[in-house]
Amino acid sequence: MDKALDSIHEALSNDKYVFVHCNQGLSRSPGIALLYLIARNVIIAENYLTAEAAFINDLYPDFDPAGGIRGFLMEHWQSYRGKYA
């Protein structure tokens, strides 16, 4: 995750476009995008589930995280908050 987020941040900081993708676009890639938005303080929430709901409602309604990605995000989202703010 750290390498993905660092790569996204570096590219965007250099005015480059970023395309985050996976096989189906339902779990892994939107999960990484959500985590980056949390790290940039674009999505600010009291807990992970609130952040996930905001992401689904406002940005990516097809987000359907599988257990592995959701588990990682739930366990680690707090440590990423504001990382790139």
PDB file of N, CA and C in Angstrom:
ATOM      1  N   MET A   1       0.817  -1.190   0.000  1.00  0.00           N
ATOM      2  CA  MET A   1       0.000   0.000   0.000  1.00  0.00           C
ATOM      3  C   MET A   1       0.861   1.255   0.000  1.00  0.00           C
ATOM      4  N   ASP A   2       1.892   1.249   0.827  1.00  0.00           N
ATOM      5  CA  ASP A   2       2.733   2.443   0.910  1.00  0.00           C
ATOM      6  C   ASP A   2       3.346   2.802  -0.434  1.00  0.00           C
ATOM      7  N   LYS A   3       3.836   1.800  -1.166  1.00  0.00           N
ATOM      8  CA  LYS A   3       4.434   2.074  -2.476  1.00  0.00           C
ATOM      9  C   LYS A   3       3.394   2.641  -3.438  1.00  0.00           C
ATOM     10  N   ALA A   4       2.191   2.091  -3.421  1.00  0.00           N
ATOM     11  CA  ALA A   4       1.136   2.594  -4.297  1.00  0.00           C
ATOM     12  C   ALA A   4       0.795   4.037  -3.955  1.00  0.00           C
ATOM     13  N   LEU A   5       0.605   4.326  -2.679  1.00  0.00           N
ATOM     14  CA  LEU A   5       0.256   5.684  -2.270  1.00  0.00           C
ATOM     15  C   LEU A   5       1.384   6.665  -2.548  1.00  0.00           C
ATOM     16  N   ASP A   6       2.618   6.249  -2.287  1.00  0.00           N
ATOM     17  CA  ASP A   6       3.763   7.120  -2.579  1.00  0.00           C
ATOM     18  C   ASP A   6       3.851   7.417  -4.078  1.00  0.00           C
ATOM     19  N   SER A   7       3.605   6.412  -4.901  1.00  0.00           N
ATOM     20  CA  SER A   7       3.649   6.609  -6.359  1.00  0.00           C
ATOM     21  C   SER A   7       2.555   7.558  -6.825  1.00  0.00           C
ATOM     22  N   ILE A   8       1.361   7.388  -6.291  1.00  0.00           N
ATOM     23  CA  ILE A   8       0.254   8.284  -6.637  1.00  0.00           C
ATOM     24  C   ILE A   8       0.605   9.707  -6.229  1.00  0.00           C
ATOM     25  N   HIS A   9       1.079   9.867  -5.006  1.00  0.00           N
ATOM     26  CA  HIS A   9       1.394  11.199  -4.501  1.00  0.00           C
ATOM     27  C   HIS A   9       2.504  11.863  -5.332  1.00  0.00           C
ATOM     28  N   GLU A  10       3.540  11.112  -5.654  1.00  0.00           N
ATOM     29  CA  GLU A  10       4.639  11.667  -6.442  1.00  0.00           C
ATOM     30  C   GLU A  10       4.153  12.112  -7.823  1.00  0.00           C
ATOM     31  N   ALA A  11       3.361  11.278  -8.466  1.00  0.00           N
ATOM     32  CA  ALA A  11       2.860  11.620  -9.799  1.00  0.00           C
ATOM     33  C   ALA A  11       1.969  12.859  -9.748  1.00  0.00           C
ATOM     34  N   LEU A  12       1.035  12.884  -8.825  1.00  0.00           N
ATOM     35  CA  LEU A  12       0.139  14.033  -8.735  1.00  0.00           C
ATOM     36  C   LEU A  12       0.893  15.301  -8.349  1.00  0.00           C
ATOM     37  N   SER A  13       1.913  15.171  -7.514  1.00  0.00           N
ATOM     38  CA  SER A  13       2.720  16.324  -7.120  1.00  0.00           C
ATOM     39  C   SER A  13       3.498  16.896  -8.304  1.00  0.00           C
ATOM     40  N   ASN A  14       3.728  16.066  -9.316  1.00  0.00           N
ATOM     41  CA  ASN A  14       4.435  16.496 -10.524  1.00  0.00           C
ATOM     42  C   ASN A  14       3.475  16.763 -11.681  1.00  0.00           C
ATOM     43  N   ASP A  15       2.213  17.052 -11.333  1.00  0.00           N
ATOM     44  CA  ASP A  15       1.178  17.391 -12.327  1.00  0.00           C
ATOM     45  C   ASP A  15       0.975  16.312 -13.379  1.00  0.00           C
ATOM     46  N   LYS A  16       1.132  15.061 -12.984  1.00  0.00           N
ATOM     47  CA  LYS A  16       0.880  13.945 -13.887  1.00  0.00           C
ATOM     48  C   LYS A  16      -0.473  13.325 -13.559  1.00  0.00           C
ATOM     49  N   TYR A  17      -1.036  12.655 -14.536  1.00  0.00           N
ATOM     50  CA  TYR A  17      -2.268  11.920 -14.331  1.00  0.00           C
ATOM     51  C   TYR A  17      -1.970  10.574 -13.695  1.00  0.00           C
ATOM     52  N   VAL A  18      -2.944  10.056 -12.954  1.00  0.00           N
ATOM     53  CA  VAL A  18      -2.793   8.752 -12.313  1.00  0.00           C
ATOM     54  C   VAL A  18      -4.024   7.916 -12.644  1.00  0.00           C
ATOM     55  N   PHE A  19      -3.786   6.695 -13.054  1.00  0.00           N
ATOM     56  CA  PHE A  19      -4.857   5.747 -13.323  1.00  0.00           C
ATOM     57  C   PHE A  19      -4.634   4.545 -12.418  1.00  0.00           C
ATOM     58  N   VAL A  20      -5.512   4.357 -11.468  1.00  0.00           N
ATOM     59  CA  VAL A  20      -5.414   3.232 -10.536  1.00  0.00           C
ATOM     60  C   VAL A  20      -6.438   2.198 -10.992  1.00  0.00           C
ATOM     61  N   HIS A  21      -5.976   0.981 -11.243  1.00  0.00           N
ATOM     62  CA  HIS A  21      -6.906  -0.024 -11.769  1.00  0.00           C
ATOM     63  C   HIS A  21      -6.590  -1.402 -11.213  1.00  0.00           C
ATOM     64  N   CYS A  22      -7.580  -2.261 -11.289  1.00  0.00           N
ATOM     65  CA  CYS A  22      -7.438  -3.674 -10.965  1.00  0.00           C
ATOM     66  C   CYS A  22      -8.371  -4.436 -11.905  1.00  0.00           C
ATOM     67  N   ASN A  23      -8.523  -5.711 -11.699  1.00  0.00           N
ATOM     68  CA  ASN A  23      -9.324  -6.536 -12.608  1.00  0.00           C
ATOM     69  C   ASN A  23     -10.764  -6.049 -12.767  1.00  0.00           C
ATOM     70  N   GLN A  24     -11.465  -5.854 -11.669  1.00  0.00           N
ATOM     71  CA  GLN A  24     -12.884  -5.541 -11.741  1.00  0.00           C
ATOM     72  C   GLN A  24     -13.227  -4.115 -11.313  1.00  0.00           C
ATOM     73  N   GLY A  25     -12.315  -3.435 -10.659  1.00  0.00           N
ATOM     74  CA  GLY A  25     -12.567  -2.060 -10.249  1.00  0.00           C
ATOM     75  C   GLY A  25     -13.571  -1.916  -9.127  1.00  0.00           C
ATOM     76  N   LEU A  26     -13.739  -2.962  -8.338  1.00  0.00           N
ATOM     77  CA  LEU A  26     -14.727  -2.924  -7.268  1.00  0.00           C
ATOM     78  C   LEU A  26     -14.114  -2.862  -5.872  1.00  0.00           C
ATOM     79  N   SER A  27     -12.889  -3.351  -5.707  1.00  0.00           N
ATOM     80  CA  SER A  27     -12.333  -3.495  -4.377  1.00  0.00           C
ATOM     81  C   SER A  27     -10.932  -2.909  -4.251  1.00  0.00           C
ATOM     82  N   ARG A  28      -9.954  -3.513  -4.911  1.00  0.00           N
ATOM     83  CA  ARG A  28      -8.551  -3.127  -4.698  1.00  0.00           C
ATOM     84  C   ARG A  28      -8.246  -1.714  -5.163  1.00  0.00           C
ATOM     85  N   SER A  29      -8.508  -1.416  -6.424  1.00  0.00           N
ATOM     86  CA  SER A  29      -8.135  -0.086  -6.914  1.00  0.00           C
ATOM     87  C   SER A  29      -8.943   1.024  -6.245  1.00  0.00           C
ATOM     88  N   PRO A  30     -10.260   0.895  -6.080  1.00  0.00           N
ATOM     89  CA  PRO A  30     -10.944   1.965  -5.363  1.00  0.00           C
ATOM     90  C   PRO A  30     -10.544   2.028  -3.890  1.00  0.00           C
ATOM     91  N   GLY A  31     -10.149   0.888  -3.318  1.00  0.00           N
ATOM     92  CA  GLY A  31      -9.659   0.899  -1.937  1.00  0.00           C
ATOM     93  C   GLY A  31      -8.389   1.715  -1.801  1.00  0.00           C
ATOM     94  N   ILE A  32      -7.491   1.568  -2.772  1.00  0.00           N
ATOM     95  CA  ILE A  32      -6.262   2.365  -2.775  1.00  0.00           C
ATOM     96  C   ILE A  32      -6.595   3.834  -2.980  1.00  0.00           C
ATOM     97  N   ALA A  33      -7.521   4.127  -3.885  1.00  0.00           N
ATOM     98  CA  ALA A  33      -7.924   5.519  -4.105  1.00  0.00           C
ATOM     99  C   ALA A  33      -8.538   6.110  -2.842  1.00  0.00           C
ATOM    100  N   LEU A  34      -9.387   5.364  -2.163  1.00  0.00           N
ATOM    101  CA  LEU A  34      -9.988   5.822  -0.915  1.00  0.00           C
ATOM    102  C   LEU A  34      -8.910   6.107   0.119  1.00  0.00           C
ATOM    103  N   LEU A  35      -7.961   5.207   0.253  1.00  0.00           N
ATOM    104  CA  LEU A  35      -6.897   5.406   1.230  1.00  0.00           C
ATOM    105  C   LEU A  35      -6.080   6.650   0.899  1.00  0.00           C
ATOM    106  N   TYR A  36      -5.848   6.899  -0.377  1.00  0.00           N
ATOM    107  CA  TYR A  36      -5.117   8.115  -0.759  1.00  0.00           C
ATOM    108  C   TYR A  36      -5.923   9.368  -0.395  1.00  0.00           C
ATOM    109  N   LEU A  37      -7.211   9.331  -0.618  1.00  0.00           N
ATOM    110  CA  LEU A  37      -8.045  10.485  -0.261  1.00  0.00           C
ATOM    111  C   LEU A  37      -8.069  10.711   1.247  1.00  0.00           C
ATOM    112  N   ILE A  38      -8.022   9.646   2.014  1.00  0.00           N
ATOM    113  CA  ILE A  38      -7.912   9.761   3.468  1.00  0.00           C
ATOM    114  C   ILE A  38      -6.552  10.364   3.824  1.00  0.00           C
ATOM    115  N   ALA A  39      -5.511   9.907   3.148  1.00  0.00           N
ATOM    116  CA  ALA A  39      -4.161  10.404   3.426  1.00  0.00           C
ATOM    117  C   ALA A  39      -4.002  11.879   3.056  1.00  0.00           C
ATOM    118  N   ARG A  40      -4.756  12.351   2.084  1.00  0.00           N
ATOM    119  CA  ARG A  40      -4.716  13.761   1.676  1.00  0.00           C
ATOM    120  C   ARG A  40      -5.703  14.612   2.463  1.00  0.00           C
ATOM    121  N   ASN A  41      -6.444  14.011   3.365  1.00  0.00           N
ATOM    122  CA  ASN A  41      -7.499  14.692   4.129  1.00  0.00           C
ATOM    123  C   ASN A  41      -8.613  15.221   3.231  1.00  0.00           C
ATOM    124  N   VAL A  42      -8.807  14.590   2.079  1.00  0.00           N
ATOM    125  CA  VAL A  42      -9.940  14.917   1.220  1.00  0.00           C
ATOM    126  C   VAL A  42     -11.207  14.335   1.833  1.00  0.00           C
ATOM    127  N   ILE A  43     -11.078  13.133   2.375  1.00  0.00           N
ATOM    128  CA  ILE A  43     -12.167  12.504   3.124  1.00  0.00           C
ATOM    129  C   ILE A  43     -11.738  12.483   4.581  1.00  0.00           C
ATOM    130  N   ILE A  44     -12.506  13.179   5.395  1.00  0.00           N
ATOM    131  CA  ILE A  44     -12.230  13.243   6.837  1.00  0.00           C
ATOM    132  C   ILE A  44     -13.418  12.614   7.547  1.00  0.00           C
ATOM    133  N   ALA A  45     -13.140  11.638   8.388  1.00  0.00           N
ATOM    134  CA  ALA A  45     -14.219  10.920   9.068  1.00  0.00           C
ATOM    135  C   ALA A  45     -13.746  10.475  10.441  1.00  0.00           C
ATOM    136  N   GLU A  46     -14.699  10.203  11.283  1.00  0.00           N
ATOM    137  CA  GLU A  46     -14.402   9.747  12.645  1.00  0.00           C
ATOM    138  C   GLU A  46     -13.979   8.285  12.693  1.00  0.00           C
ATOM    139  N   ASN A  47     -14.415   7.509  11.692  1.00  0.00           N
ATOM    140  CA  ASN A  47     -14.035   6.094  11.647  1.00  0.00           C
ATOM    141  C   ASN A  47     -14.025   5.632  10.190  1.00  0.00           C
ATOM    142  N   TYR A  48     -13.483   4.454   9.977  1.00  0.00           N
ATOM    143  CA  TYR A  48     -13.346   3.963   8.611  1.00  0.00           C
ATOM    144  C   TYR A  48     -14.700   3.802   7.917  1.00  0.00           C
ATOM    145  N   LEU A  49     -15.685   3.260   8.602  1.00  0.00           N
ATOM    146  CA  LEU A  49     -16.976   3.010   7.953  1.00  0.00           C
ATOM    147  C   LEU A  49     -17.637   4.296   7.486  1.00  0.00           C
ATOM    148  N   THR A  50     -17.449   5.374   8.222  1.00  0.00           N
ATOM    149  CA  THR A  50     -17.971   6.680   7.795  1.00  0.00           C
ATOM    150  C   THR A  50     -17.228   7.160   6.551  1.00  0.00           C
ATOM    151  N   ALA A  51     -15.907   6.965   6.525  1.00  0.00           N
ATOM    152  CA  ALA A  51     -15.118   7.335   5.347  1.00  0.00           C
ATOM    153  C   ALA A  51     -15.547   6.516   4.133  1.00  0.00           C
ATOM    154  N   GLU A  52     -15.749   5.217   4.340  1.00  0.00           N
ATOM    155  CA  GLU A  52     -16.186   4.349   3.244  1.00  0.00           C
ATOM    156  C   GLU A  52     -17.548   4.788   2.716  1.00  0.00           C
ATOM    157  N   ALA A  53     -18.466   5.101   3.604  1.00  0.00           N
ATOM    158  CA  ALA A  53     -19.802   5.532   3.184  1.00  0.00           C
ATOM    159  C   ALA A  53     -19.728   6.834   2.383  1.00  0.00           C
ATOM    160  N   ALA A  54     -18.895   7.770   2.804  1.00  0.00           N
ATOM    161  CA  ALA A  54     -18.735   9.030   2.069  1.00  0.00           C
ATOM    162  C   ALA A  54     -18.165   8.764   0.675  1.00  0.00           C
ATOM    163  N   PHE A  55     -17.187   7.872   0.583  1.00  0.00           N
ATOM    164  CA  PHE A  55     -16.580   7.518  -0.695  1.00  0.00           C
ATOM    165  C   PHE A  55     -17.625   6.911  -1.629  1.00  0.00           C
ATOM    166  N   ILE A  56     -18.418   6.002  -1.108  1.00  0.00           N
ATOM    167  CA  ILE A  56     -19.459   5.357  -1.912  1.00  0.00           C
ATOM    168  C   ILE A  56     -20.524   6.365  -2.326  1.00  0.00           C
ATOM    169  N   ASN A  57     -20.977   7.171  -1.394  1.00  0.00           N
ATOM    170  CA  ASN A  57     -22.058   8.128  -1.691  1.00  0.00           C
ATOM    171  C   ASN A  57     -21.621   9.245  -2.623  1.00  0.00           C
ATOM    172  N   ASP A  58     -20.407   9.749  -2.444  1.00  0.00           N
ATOM    173  CA  ASP A  58     -19.993  10.953  -3.163  1.00  0.00           C
ATOM    174  C   ASP A  58     -19.120  10.704  -4.389  1.00  0.00           C
ATOM    175  N   LEU A  59     -18.382   9.581  -4.404  1.00  0.00           N
ATOM    176  CA  LEU A  59     -17.381   9.423  -5.457  1.00  0.00           C
ATOM    177  C   LEU A  59     -17.453   8.129  -6.245  1.00  0.00           C
ATOM    178  N   TYR A  60     -17.661   7.003  -5.572  1.00  0.00           N
ATOM    179  CA  TYR A  60     -17.540   5.729  -6.271  1.00  0.00           C
ATOM    180  C   TYR A  60     -18.586   4.746  -5.764  1.00  0.00           C
ATOM    181  N   PRO A  61     -19.806   4.865  -6.267  1.00  0.00           N
ATOM    182  CA  PRO A  61     -20.897   4.019  -5.776  1.00  0.00           C
ATOM    183  C   PRO A  61     -20.690   2.521  -6.004  1.00  0.00           C
ATOM    184  N   ASP A  62     -19.815   2.142  -6.922  1.00  0.00           N
ATOM    185  CA  ASP A  62     -19.574   0.719  -7.200  1.00  0.00           C
ATOM    186  C   ASP A  62     -18.566   0.084  -6.247  1.00  0.00           C
ATOM    187  N   PHE A  63     -18.011   0.850  -5.314  1.00  0.00           N
ATOM    188  CA  PHE A  63     -17.029   0.303  -4.383  1.00  0.00           C
ATOM    189  C   PHE A  63     -17.673  -0.815  -3.572  1.00  0.00           C
ATOM    190  N   ASP A  64     -17.073  -1.980  -3.653  1.00  0.00           N
ATOM    191  CA  ASP A  64     -17.568  -3.165  -2.955  1.00  0.00           C
ATOM    192  C   ASP A  64     -16.361  -3.936  -2.433  1.00  0.00           C
ATOM    193  N   PRO A  65     -15.760  -3.438  -1.348  1.00  0.00           N
ATOM    194  CA  PRO A  65     -14.500  -4.011  -0.897  1.00  0.00           C
ATOM    195  C   PRO A  65     -14.630  -5.453  -0.424  1.00  0.00           C
ATOM    196  N   ALA A  66     -13.714  -6.277  -0.902  1.00  0.00           N
ATOM    197  CA  ALA A  66     -13.630  -7.659  -0.434  1.00  0.00           C
ATOM    198  C   ALA A  66     -13.040  -7.657   0.976  1.00  0.00           C
ATOM    199  N   GLY A  67     -13.134  -8.791   1.633  1.00  0.00           N
ATOM    200  CA  GLY A  67     -12.711  -8.889   3.027  1.00  0.00           C
ATOM    201  C   GLY A  67     -11.284  -8.471   3.289  1.00  0.00           C
ATOM    202  N   GLY A  68     -10.361  -8.841   2.404  1.00  0.00           N
ATOM    203  CA  GLY A  68      -8.956  -8.511   2.620  1.00  0.00           C
ATOM    204  C   GLY A  68      -8.691  -7.025   2.576  1.00  0.00           C
ATOM    205  N   ILE A  69      -9.204  -6.357   1.542  1.00  0.00           N
ATOM    206  CA  ILE A  69      -8.959  -4.918   1.419  1.00  0.00           C
ATOM    207  C   ILE A  69      -9.715  -4.158   2.507  1.00  0.00           C
ATOM    208  N   ARG A  70     -10.958  -4.564   2.770  1.00  0.00           N
ATOM    209  CA  ARG A  70     -11.719  -3.879   3.828  1.00  0.00           C
ATOM    210  C   ARG A  70     -11.041  -4.079   5.182  1.00  0.00           C
ATOM    211  N   GLY A  71     -10.574  -5.274   5.444  1.00  0.00           N
ATOM    212  CA  GLY A  71      -9.882  -5.532   6.705  1.00  0.00           C
ATOM    213  C   GLY A  71      -8.646  -4.663   6.858  1.00  0.00           C
ATOM    214  N   PHE A  72      -7.856  -4.558   5.777  1.00  0.00           N
ATOM    215  CA  PHE A  72      -6.666  -3.715   5.828  1.00  0.00           C
ATOM    216  C   PHE A  72      -7.046  -2.265   6.070  1.00  0.00           C
ATOM    217  N   LEU A  73      -8.020  -1.780   5.312  1.00  0.00           N
ATOM    218  CA  LEU A  73      -8.430  -0.378   5.450  1.00  0.00           C
ATOM    219  C   LEU A  73      -8.975  -0.089   6.838  1.00  0.00           C
ATOM    220  N   MET A  74      -9.776  -0.989   7.369  1.00  0.00           N
ATOM    221  CA  MET A  74     -10.337  -0.787   8.704  1.00  0.00           C
ATOM    222  C   MET A  74      -9.239  -0.779   9.773  1.00  0.00           C
ATOM    223  N   GLU A  75      -8.261  -1.632   9.602  1.00  0.00           N
ATOM    224  CA  GLU A  75      -7.197  -1.746  10.595  1.00  0.00           C
ATOM    225  C   GLU A  75      -6.195  -0.595  10.521  1.00  0.00           C
ATOM    226  N   HIS A  76      -5.952  -0.081   9.311  1.00  0.00           N
ATOM    227  CA  HIS A  76      -4.855   0.870   9.134  1.00  0.00           C
ATOM    228  C   HIS A  76      -5.260   2.284   8.739  1.00  0.00           C
ATOM    229  N   TRP A  77      -6.528   2.551   8.478  1.00  0.00           N
ATOM    230  CA  TRP A  77      -6.899   3.858   7.944  1.00  0.00           C
ATOM    231  C   TRP A  77      -6.440   5.006   8.845  1.00  0.00           C
ATOM    232  N   GLN A  78      -6.518   4.818  10.134  1.00  0.00           N
ATOM    233  CA  GLN A  78      -6.152   5.880  11.073  1.00  0.00           C
ATOM    234  C   GLN A  78      -4.679   6.263  10.909  1.00  0.00           C
ATOM    235  N   SER A  79      -3.812   5.295  10.668  1.00  0.00           N
ATOM    236  CA  SER A  79      -2.381   5.599  10.553  1.00  0.00           C
ATOM    237  C   SER A  79      -2.064   6.328   9.256  1.00  0.00           C
ATOM    238  N   TYR A  80      -2.951   6.300   8.268  1.00  0.00           N
ATOM    239  CA  TYR A  80      -2.724   6.999   7.010  1.00  0.00           C
ATOM    240  C   TYR A  80      -3.336   8.402   7.005  1.00  0.00           C
ATOM    241  N   ARG A  81      -4.201   8.705   7.941  1.00  0.00           N
ATOM    242  CA  ARG A  81      -4.884  10.002   7.955  1.00  0.00           C
ATOM    243  C   ARG A  81      -3.854  11.145   7.921  1.00  0.00           C
ATOM    244  N   GLY A  82      -3.980  12.013   6.933  1.00  0.00           N
ATOM    245  CA  GLY A  82      -3.135  13.194   6.840  1.00  0.00           C
ATOM    246  C   GLY A  82      -1.700  12.934   6.419  1.00  0.00           C
ATOM    247  N   LYS A  83      -1.384  11.733   5.980  1.00  0.00           N
ATOM    248  CA  LYS A  83       0.000  11.410   5.599  1.00  0.00           C
ATOM    249  C   LYS A  83       0.535  12.348   4.532  1.00  0.00           C
ATOM    250  N   TYR A  84      -0.310  12.777   3.610  1.00  0.00           N
ATOM    251  CA  TYR A  84       0.121  13.655   2.524  1.00  0.00           C
ATOM    252  C   TYR A  84      -0.568  15.017   2.594  1.00  0.00           C
ATOM    253  N   ALA A  85      -1.040  15.385   3.743  1.00  0.00           N
ATOM    254  CA  ALA A  85      -1.761  16.666   3.884  1.00  0.00           C
ATOM    255  C   ALA A  85      -0.813  17.839   3.756  1.00  0.00           C
TER     256      ALA A  85
END
